[in-house]
Amino acid sequence: MSGANASGYLESRTMKTEIPSVKMVAIADDEAGQRIDNFLRTQLKGVPKSMIYRILRKGEVRVNKKRVKPEYKLEAGDEVRIPPVRVSEKEEEAVSPHLQKVAALADVILYEDDHILVLN
């Protein structure tokens, strides 16, 4: 369940992380010949492939101030504009259904000894 923070607003189980600003990257000789989609996957670790393709499709990623398709091959000296990207991160791992049932069962135990178990 989500809790309230100090300001009284509810916090969700997922946390948004944002790369703060537009990033300009100059392509070196060793990165030349690589496809832009694969290059972005190395630059934006943790970002789903679908989001990388979405920002390419929307034209948010630019190479030499021009829109490019995912199959564009980078050349030495290209300047790549990488926009700020928001991704959701799980704050905590989900509890397994088995452990949830055990916890619920523990809440209804009224009395327990070696010979008897009383449930509510």
C-alpha atoms as a PDB file:
ATOM      1  CA  MET A   1       0.000   0.000   0.000  1.00  0.00           C
ATOM      2  CA  SER A   2       1.255   3.498  -0.669  1.00  0.00           C
ATOM      3  CA  GLY A   3       1.907   5.913   2.160  1.00  0.00           C
ATOM      4  CA  ALA A   4       1.642   9.642   2.638  1.00  0.00           C
ATOM      5  CA  ASN A   5       4.708  11.842   2.582  1.00  0.00           C
ATOM      6  CA  ALA A   6       5.353  14.894   4.788  1.00  0.00           C
ATOM      7  CA  SER A   7       3.280  17.187   2.582  1.00  0.00           C
ATOM      8  CA  GLY A   8       0.251  14.898   2.842  1.00  0.00           C
ATOM      9  CA  TYR A   9       0.353  13.695  -0.761  1.00  0.00           C
ATOM     10  CA  LEU A  10       0.235   9.982  -1.475  1.00  0.00           C
ATOM     11  CA  GLU A  11       3.379   8.386  -2.814  1.00  0.00           C
ATOM     12  CA  SER A  12       3.085   5.667  -5.434  1.00  0.00           C
ATOM     13  CA  ARG A  13       5.012   2.393  -5.477  1.00  0.00           C
ATOM     14  CA  THR A  14       6.900   3.496  -8.568  1.00  0.00           C
ATOM     15  CA  MET A  15       9.366   6.305  -8.615  1.00  0.00           C
ATOM     16  CA  LYS A  16      10.030   8.497 -11.651  1.00  0.00           C
ATOM     17  CA  THR A  17      13.639   9.061 -12.586  1.00  0.00           C
ATOM     18  CA  GLU A  18      14.567  11.700 -15.094  1.00  0.00           C
ATOM     19  CA  ILE A  19      17.741  12.393 -17.005  1.00  0.00           C
ATOM     20  CA  PRO A  20      17.793  16.120 -16.205  1.00  0.00           C
ATOM     21  CA  SER A  21      18.567  17.905 -19.469  1.00  0.00           C
ATOM     22  CA  VAL A  22      19.258  17.581 -23.158  1.00  0.00           C
ATOM     23  CA  LYS A  23      22.581  15.868 -23.737  1.00  0.00           C
ATOM     24  CA  MET A  24      24.771  16.557 -26.762  1.00  0.00           C
ATOM     25  CA  VAL A  25      27.176  13.748 -27.694  1.00  0.00           C
ATOM     26  CA  ALA A  26      29.897  13.932 -30.334  1.00  0.00           C
ATOM     27  CA  ILE A  27      30.496  10.596 -32.065  1.00  0.00           C
ATOM     28  CA  ALA A  28      34.053   9.291 -31.847  1.00  0.00           C
ATOM     29  CA  ASP A  29      35.793   7.139 -34.467  1.00  0.00           C
ATOM     30  CA  ASP A  30      35.184   3.924 -32.494  1.00  0.00           C
ATOM     31  CA  GLU A  31      31.410   4.607 -32.374  1.00  0.00           C
ATOM     32  CA  ALA A  32      31.132   5.330 -36.109  1.00  0.00           C
ATOM     33  CA  GLY A  33      29.172   2.761 -38.126  1.00  0.00           C
ATOM     34  CA  GLN A  34      26.881   1.923 -35.207  1.00  0.00           C
ATOM     35  CA  ARG A  35      23.110   2.261 -35.659  1.00  0.00           C
ATOM     36  CA  ILE A  36      21.534   5.145 -33.737  1.00  0.00           C
ATOM     37  CA  ASP A  37      19.045   2.851 -31.940  1.00  0.00           C
ATOM     38  CA  ASN A  38      21.857   0.642 -30.614  1.00  0.00           C
ATOM     39  CA  PHE A  39      23.907   3.704 -29.644  1.00  0.00           C
ATOM     40  CA  LEU A  40      20.949   5.083 -27.661  1.00  0.00           C
ATOM     41  CA  ARG A  41      20.523   1.759 -25.863  1.00  0.00           C
ATOM     42  CA  THR A  42      24.094   2.093 -24.566  1.00  0.00           C
ATOM     43  CA  GLN A  43      23.601   5.758 -23.617  1.00  0.00           C
ATOM     44  CA  LEU A  44      20.167   5.338 -21.977  1.00  0.00           C
ATOM     45  CA  LYS A  45      20.631   2.292 -19.772  1.00  0.00           C
ATOM     46  CA  GLY A  46      17.400   1.132 -18.135  1.00  0.00           C
ATOM     47  CA  VAL A  47      15.186   2.780 -20.758  1.00  0.00           C
ATOM     48  CA  PRO A  48      12.933   0.283 -22.575  1.00  0.00           C
ATOM     49  CA  LYS A  49      13.547  -0.262 -26.289  1.00  0.00           C
ATOM     50  CA  SER A  50       9.989   0.824 -27.040  1.00  0.00           C
ATOM     51  CA  MET A  51      10.691   4.234 -25.502  1.00  0.00           C
ATOM     52  CA  ILE A  52      13.917   4.596 -27.508  1.00  0.00           C
ATOM     53  CA  TYR A  53      12.013   3.876 -30.728  1.00  0.00           C
ATOM     54  CA  ARG A  54       9.254   6.297 -29.650  1.00  0.00           C
ATOM     55  CA  ILE A  55      11.662   9.214 -29.115  1.00  0.00           C
ATOM     56  CA  LEU A  56      13.297   8.427 -32.465  1.00  0.00           C
ATOM     57  CA  ARG A  57       9.902   8.289 -34.210  1.00  0.00           C
ATOM     58  CA  LYS A  58       8.789  11.590 -32.626  1.00  0.00           C
ATOM     59  CA  GLY A  59      11.995  13.292 -33.783  1.00  0.00           C
ATOM     60  CA  GLU A  60      13.218  14.083 -30.278  1.00  0.00           C
ATOM     61  CA  VAL A  61      16.601  12.534 -31.075  1.00  0.00           C
ATOM     62  CA  ARG A  62      18.505  14.557 -33.644  1.00  0.00           C
ATOM     63  CA  VAL A  63      21.768  13.924 -35.451  1.00  0.00           C
ATOM     64  CA  ASN A  64      23.408  17.078 -36.813  1.00  0.00           C
ATOM     65  CA  LYS A  65      20.127  18.946 -36.069  1.00  0.00           C
ATOM     66  CA  LYS A  66      18.112  16.592 -38.311  1.00  0.00           C
ATOM     67  CA  ARG A  67      15.615  13.832 -37.555  1.00  0.00           C
ATOM     68  CA  VAL A  68      16.898  10.320 -38.169  1.00  0.00           C
ATOM     69  CA  LYS A  69      15.381   6.863 -38.509  1.00  0.00           C
ATOM     70  CA  PRO A  70      16.395   3.978 -36.209  1.00  0.00           C
ATOM     71  CA  GLU A  71      18.498   2.397 -38.954  1.00  0.00           C
ATOM     72  CA  TYR A  72      20.676   5.520 -39.402  1.00  0.00           C
ATOM     73  CA  LYS A  73      24.385   4.642 -39.130  1.00  0.00           C
ATOM     74  CA  LEU A  74      26.445   7.097 -37.116  1.00  0.00           C
ATOM     75  CA  GLU A  75      29.520   8.687 -38.647  1.00  0.00           C
ATOM     76  CA  ALA A  76      32.582  10.084 -36.871  1.00  0.00           C
ATOM     77  CA  GLY A  77      31.964  13.715 -35.942  1.00  0.00           C
ATOM     78  CA  ASP A  78      28.155  13.435 -35.864  1.00  0.00           C
ATOM     79  CA  GLU A  79      26.542  15.412 -33.066  1.00  0.00           C
ATOM     80  CA  VAL A  80      23.669  13.541 -31.381  1.00  0.00           C
ATOM     81  CA  ARG A  81      21.024  15.358 -29.344  1.00  0.00           C
ATOM     82  CA  ILE A  82      19.600  13.066 -26.636  1.00  0.00           C
ATOM     83  CA  PRO A  83      16.446  14.452 -24.956  1.00  0.00           C
ATOM     84  CA  PRO A  84      15.621  14.090 -21.249  1.00  0.00           C
ATOM     85  CA  VAL A  85      13.869  10.744 -20.702  1.00  0.00           C
ATOM     86  CA  ARG A  86      11.592   9.706 -17.832  1.00  0.00           C
ATOM     87  CA  VAL A  87      11.497   6.079 -16.742  1.00  0.00           C
ATOM     88  CA  SER A  88       9.625   4.350 -13.937  1.00  0.00           C
ATOM     89  CA  GLU A  89      11.588   2.360 -11.414  1.00  0.00           C
ATOM     90  CA  LYS A  90      10.085  -0.039  -8.917  1.00  0.00           C
ATOM     91  CA  GLU A  91      10.750   1.286  -5.444  1.00  0.00           C
ATOM     92  CA  GLU A  92      10.428  -2.116  -3.830  1.00  0.00           C
ATOM     93  CA  GLU A  93      10.011  -5.662  -5.059  1.00  0.00           C
ATOM     94  CA  ALA A  94       6.476  -7.061  -5.058  1.00  0.00           C
ATOM     95  CA  VAL A  95       5.649  -9.502  -2.262  1.00  0.00           C
ATOM     96  CA  SER A  96       4.867 -13.000  -3.517  1.00  0.00           C
ATOM     97  CA  PRO A  97       1.215 -14.115  -3.262  1.00  0.00           C
ATOM     98  CA  HIS A  98       2.250 -16.988  -0.973  1.00  0.00           C
ATOM     99  CA  LEU A  99       3.815 -14.594   1.552  1.00  0.00           C
ATOM    100  CA  GLN A 100       0.732 -12.361   1.384  1.00  0.00           C
ATOM    101  CA  LYS A 101      -1.480 -15.332   2.325  1.00  0.00           C
ATOM    102  CA  VAL A 102       0.819 -16.306   5.206  1.00  0.00           C
ATOM    103  CA  ALA A 103       0.746 -12.733   6.527  1.00  0.00           C
ATOM    104  CA  ALA A 104      -3.070 -12.628   6.265  1.00  0.00           C
ATOM    105  CA  LEU A 105      -3.341 -15.953   8.095  1.00  0.00           C
ATOM    106  CA  ALA A 106      -1.068 -14.705  10.881  1.00  0.00           C
ATOM    107  CA  ASP A 107      -3.461 -11.785  11.428  1.00  0.00           C
ATOM    108  CA  VAL A 108      -6.456 -14.072  12.160  1.00  0.00           C
ATOM    109  CA  ILE A 109      -4.758 -16.342  14.738  1.00  0.00           C
ATOM    110  CA  LEU A 110      -6.364 -15.762  18.142  1.00  0.00           C
ATOM    111  CA  TYR A 111      -4.609 -18.497  20.138  1.00  0.00           C
ATOM    112  CA  GLU A 112      -1.921 -21.044  19.383  1.00  0.00           C
ATOM    113  CA  ASP A 113      -0.126 -23.763  21.361  1.00  0.00           C
ATOM    114  CA  ASP A 114       1.322 -27.224  20.653  1.00  0.00           C
ATOM    115  CA  HIS A 115      -2.120 -28.891  20.391  1.00  0.00           C
ATOM    116  CA  ILE A 116      -4.617 -26.240  19.314  1.00  0.00           C
ATOM    117  CA  LEU A 117      -4.944 -23.336  16.885  1.00  0.00           C
ATOM    118  CA  VAL A 118      -7.868 -20.874  17.218  1.00  0.00           C
ATOM    119  CA  LEU A 119      -8.643 -18.663  14.213  1.00  0.00           C
ATOM    120  CA  ASN A 120     -11.016 -15.725  13.978  1.00  0.00           C
END
